[in-house]
Amino acid sequence: KTIVVNDQSVITEVKEAAPPQDNQENEEMENKIKELEAQLAEAKAAKDTAEAKAKSEAEKSAKIENRVQMIEKDYLKMKEFMEKTVGDKSEPPKGPAFKNAGKDQEIDPMAQEALKYFRNRNIIQQNED
């Protein structure tokens, strides 16, 4: 029932309450609320799975980065080891010094020995150089 009161606190009218017309609308709203709650639960579950996947991928990438760093360290160690010399670290000896290196004539020690041999046997004359 509905009661109407005037300024002097006197009841002026009493009406019957209107029949509830909003039941159907309330049911529709409750259904929508339930659907939205279900969608929210699905979204939360999807968010949780995505976060778990992102975390596992981050762990995998961290493992790969650690492996790359270890490989780089091993490479640098091997490179440093390969640059070291083994044994005597002194400078290598200089090559033979030729007496007539600045002259244009070629020195052939075997040819000189042959000329000396043939001159001693008188096969070649002394002034036939």
C-alpha atoms as a PDB file:
ATOM      1  CA  LYS A   1       0.000   0.000   0.000  1.00  0.00           C
ATOM      2  CA  THR A   2       1.010   3.580  -0.650  1.00  0.00           C
ATOM      3  CA  ILE A   3       0.278   6.299   1.920  1.00  0.00           C
ATOM      4  CA  VAL A   4       0.251   9.994   1.027  1.00  0.00           C
ATOM      5  CA  VAL A   5       0.879  12.523   3.868  1.00  0.00           C
ATOM      6  CA  ASN A   6       0.308  16.317   3.685  1.00  0.00           C
ATOM      7  CA  ASP A   7       2.300  19.133   5.320  1.00  0.00           C
ATOM      8  CA  GLN A   8       0.599  18.772   8.694  1.00  0.00           C
ATOM      9  CA  SER A   9       1.397  15.060   8.914  1.00  0.00           C
ATOM     10  CA  VAL A  10      -2.106  13.967   8.117  1.00  0.00           C
ATOM     11  CA  ILE A  11      -2.712  10.928   5.940  1.00  0.00           C
ATOM     12  CA  THR A  12      -4.588  12.088   2.914  1.00  0.00           C
ATOM     13  CA  GLU A  13      -4.614   8.989   0.689  1.00  0.00           C
ATOM     14  CA  VAL A  14      -4.021   5.275   0.878  1.00  0.00           C
ATOM     15  CA  LYS A  15      -3.498   3.470  -2.398  1.00  0.00           C
ATOM     16  CA  GLU A  16      -2.930  -0.077  -3.299  1.00  0.00           C
ATOM     17  CA  ALA A  17       0.576  -0.803  -4.504  1.00  0.00           C
ATOM     18  CA  ALA A  18       1.014  -1.230  -8.210  1.00  0.00           C
ATOM     19  CA  PRO A  19       1.525  -4.777  -9.330  1.00  0.00           C
ATOM     20  CA  PRO A  20       5.177  -5.538  -9.940  1.00  0.00           C
ATOM     21  CA  GLN A  21       5.842  -5.100 -13.650  1.00  0.00           C
ATOM     22  CA  ASP A  22       9.577  -5.171 -13.271  1.00  0.00           C
ATOM     23  CA  ASN A  23       9.874  -8.906 -12.595  1.00  0.00           C
ATOM     24  CA  GLN A  24      10.586  -9.656 -16.220  1.00  0.00           C
ATOM     25  CA  GLU A  25      13.079  -6.772 -16.430  1.00  0.00           C
ATOM     26  CA  ASN A  26      14.708  -7.917 -13.182  1.00  0.00           C
ATOM     27  CA  GLU A  27      15.075 -11.424 -14.529  1.00  0.00           C
ATOM     28  CA  GLU A  28      16.638 -10.080 -17.747  1.00  0.00           C
ATOM     29  CA  MET A  29      19.036  -7.936 -15.722  1.00  0.00           C
ATOM     30  CA  GLU A  30      19.945 -10.857 -13.477  1.00  0.00           C
ATOM     31  CA  ASN A  31      20.601 -12.998 -16.556  1.00  0.00           C
ATOM     32  CA  LYS A  32      22.815 -10.273 -18.020  1.00  0.00           C
ATOM     33  CA  ILE A  33      24.654  -9.952 -14.708  1.00  0.00           C
ATOM     34  CA  LYS A  34      25.228 -13.700 -14.629  1.00  0.00           C
ATOM     35  CA  GLU A  35      26.495 -13.665 -18.226  1.00  0.00           C
ATOM     36  CA  LEU A  36      28.849 -10.784 -17.442  1.00  0.00           C
ATOM     37  CA  GLU A  37      30.101 -12.564 -14.337  1.00  0.00           C
ATOM     38  CA  ALA A  38      30.777 -15.667 -16.438  1.00  0.00           C
ATOM     39  CA  GLN A  39      32.640 -13.576 -19.018  1.00  0.00           C
ATOM     40  CA  LEU A  40      34.621 -11.944 -16.229  1.00  0.00           C
ATOM     41  CA  ALA A  41      35.580 -15.361 -14.843  1.00  0.00           C
ATOM     42  CA  GLU A  42      36.676 -16.505 -18.331  1.00  0.00           C
ATOM     43  CA  ALA A  43      38.708 -13.325 -18.793  1.00  0.00           C
ATOM     44  CA  LYS A  44      40.401 -13.813 -15.422  1.00  0.00           C
ATOM     45  CA  ALA A  45      41.236 -17.424 -16.308  1.00  0.00           C
ATOM     46  CA  ALA A  46      42.636 -16.330 -19.675  1.00  0.00           C
ATOM     47  CA  LYS A  47      44.673 -13.629 -17.932  1.00  0.00           C
ATOM     48  CA  ASP A  48      46.096 -16.163 -15.473  1.00  0.00           C
ATOM     49  CA  THR A  49      47.076 -18.572 -18.255  1.00  0.00           C
ATOM     50  CA  ALA A  50      48.651 -15.745 -20.257  1.00  0.00           C
ATOM     51  CA  GLU A  51      50.649 -14.607 -17.233  1.00  0.00           C
ATOM     52  CA  ALA A  52      51.818 -18.164 -16.568  1.00  0.00           C
ATOM     53  CA  LYS A  53      52.854 -18.559 -20.203  1.00  0.00           C
ATOM     54  CA  ALA A  54      54.678 -15.220 -20.172  1.00  0.00           C
ATOM     55  CA  LYS A  55      56.496 -16.229 -16.995  1.00  0.00           C
ATOM     56  CA  SER A  56      57.602 -19.557 -18.501  1.00  0.00           C
ATOM     57  CA  GLU A  57      58.762 -17.808 -21.681  1.00  0.00           C
ATOM     58  CA  ALA A  58      60.719 -15.287 -19.599  1.00  0.00           C
ATOM     59  CA  GLU A  59      62.399 -18.164 -17.741  1.00  0.00           C
ATOM     60  CA  LYS A  60      63.289 -19.851 -21.049  1.00  0.00           C
ATOM     61  CA  SER A  61      64.755 -16.632 -22.452  1.00  0.00           C
ATOM     62  CA  ALA A  62      66.775 -16.120 -19.255  1.00  0.00           C
ATOM     63  CA  LYS A  63      68.187 -19.654 -19.601  1.00  0.00           C
ATOM     64  CA  ILE A  64      69.119 -19.002 -23.226  1.00  0.00           C
ATOM     65  CA  GLU A  65      70.775 -15.699 -22.318  1.00  0.00           C
ATOM     66  CA  ASN A  66      72.804 -17.447 -19.609  1.00  0.00           C
ATOM     67  CA  ARG A  67      73.901 -20.097 -22.106  1.00  0.00           C
ATOM     68  CA  VAL A  68      74.929 -17.429 -24.615  1.00  0.00           C
ATOM     69  CA  GLN A  69      76.968 -15.637 -21.951  1.00  0.00           C
ATOM     70  CA  MET A  70      78.713 -18.893 -20.992  1.00  0.00           C
ATOM     71  CA  ILE A  71      79.507 -19.617 -24.650  1.00  0.00           C
ATOM     72  CA  GLU A  72      80.919 -16.104 -25.076  1.00  0.00           C
ATOM     73  CA  LYS A  73      83.108 -16.536 -21.982  1.00  0.00           C
ATOM     74  CA  ASP A  74      84.371 -19.916 -23.241  1.00  0.00           C
ATOM     75  CA  TYR A  75      85.084 -18.404 -26.670  1.00  0.00           C
ATOM     76  CA  LEU A  76      87.080 -15.554 -25.133  1.00  0.00           C
ATOM     77  CA  LYS A  77      89.061 -18.012 -22.988  1.00  0.00           C
ATOM     78  CA  MET A  78      89.859 -20.167 -26.022  1.00  0.00           C
ATOM     79  CA  LYS A  79      90.804 -17.106 -28.073  1.00  0.00           C
ATOM     80  CA  GLU A  80      93.140 -15.913 -25.316  1.00  0.00           C
ATOM     81  CA  PHE A  81      94.660 -19.401 -25.055  1.00  0.00           C
ATOM     82  CA  MET A  82      95.184 -19.625 -28.821  1.00  0.00           C
ATOM     83  CA  GLU A  83      97.003 -16.276 -28.867  1.00  0.00           C
ATOM     84  CA  LYS A  84      99.596 -17.509 -26.371  1.00  0.00           C
ATOM     85  CA  THR A  85     102.805 -18.973 -27.734  1.00  0.00           C
ATOM     86  CA  VAL A  86     104.104 -22.290 -26.504  1.00  0.00           C
ATOM     87  CA  GLY A  87     107.754 -22.724 -25.546  1.00  0.00           C
ATOM     88  CA  ASP A  88     110.423 -20.109 -26.262  1.00  0.00           C
ATOM     89  CA  LYS A  89     109.021 -16.573 -26.263  1.00  0.00           C
ATOM     90  CA  SER A  90     112.172 -14.878 -27.537  1.00  0.00           C
ATOM     91  CA  GLU A  91     112.385 -13.305 -30.977  1.00  0.00           C
ATOM     92  CA  PRO A  92     113.225 -15.719 -33.791  1.00  0.00           C
ATOM     93  CA  PRO A  93     116.827 -15.514 -35.052  1.00  0.00           C
ATOM     94  CA  LYS A  94     117.573 -13.331 -38.017  1.00  0.00           C
ATOM     95  CA  GLY A  95     118.186 -14.973 -41.368  1.00  0.00           C
ATOM     96  CA  PRO A  96     121.633 -15.376 -42.952  1.00  0.00           C
ATOM     97  CA  ALA A  97     123.458 -12.163 -43.838  1.00  0.00           C
ATOM     98  CA  PHE A  98     124.899 -12.194 -47.365  1.00  0.00           C
ATOM     99  CA  LYS A  99     128.126 -10.261 -47.938  1.00  0.00           C
ATOM    100  CA  ASN A 100     127.252  -9.093 -51.424  1.00  0.00           C
ATOM    101  CA  ALA A 101     123.557  -8.423 -50.814  1.00  0.00           C
ATOM    102  CA  GLY A 102     123.694  -4.904 -52.263  1.00  0.00           C
ATOM    103  CA  LYS A 103     125.379  -5.945 -55.517  1.00  0.00           C
ATOM    104  CA  ASP A 104     123.518  -7.043 -58.616  1.00  0.00           C
ATOM    105  CA  GLN A 105     125.573 -10.174 -59.260  1.00  0.00           C
ATOM    106  CA  GLU A 106     124.159 -13.414 -58.008  1.00  0.00           C
ATOM    107  CA  ILE A 107     126.230 -15.612 -55.774  1.00  0.00           C
ATOM    108  CA  ASP A 108     126.166 -19.274 -56.653  1.00  0.00           C
ATOM    109  CA  PRO A 109     128.572 -21.169 -54.419  1.00  0.00           C
ATOM    110  CA  MET A 110     128.257 -24.409 -56.403  1.00  0.00           C
ATOM    111  CA  ALA A 111     129.151 -22.612 -59.648  1.00  0.00           C
ATOM    112  CA  GLN A 112     132.213 -21.087 -58.003  1.00  0.00           C
ATOM    113  CA  GLU A 113     133.329 -24.515 -56.772  1.00  0.00           C
ATOM    114  CA  ALA A 114     132.839 -25.948 -60.268  1.00  0.00           C
ATOM    115  CA  LEU A 115     134.936 -23.156 -61.837  1.00  0.00           C
ATOM    116  CA  LYS A 116     137.635 -23.703 -59.264  1.00  0.00           C
ATOM    117  CA  TYR A 117     137.627 -27.458 -60.034  1.00  0.00           C
ATOM    118  CA  PHE A 118     137.801 -26.960 -63.809  1.00  0.00           C
ATOM    119  CA  ARG A 119     140.536 -24.307 -63.517  1.00  0.00           C
ATOM    120  CA  ASN A 120     142.662 -26.593 -61.371  1.00  0.00           C
ATOM    121  CA  ARG A 121     142.389 -29.302 -64.040  1.00  0.00           C
ATOM    122  CA  ASN A 122     143.186 -26.835 -66.837  1.00  0.00           C
ATOM    123  CA  ILE A 123     139.859 -27.508 -68.574  1.00  0.00           C
ATOM    124  CA  ILE A 124     138.962 -23.812 -68.393  1.00  0.00           C
ATOM    125  CA  GLN A 125     141.506 -21.020 -68.831  1.00  0.00           C
ATOM    126  CA  GLN A 126     141.933 -18.519 -65.977  1.00  0.00           C
ATOM    127  CA  ASN A 127     140.687 -15.477 -67.925  1.00  0.00           C
ATOM    128  CA  GLU A 128     137.537 -17.052 -69.333  1.00  0.00           C
ATOM    129  CA  ASP A 129     135.186 -15.822 -66.618  1.00  0.00           C
END
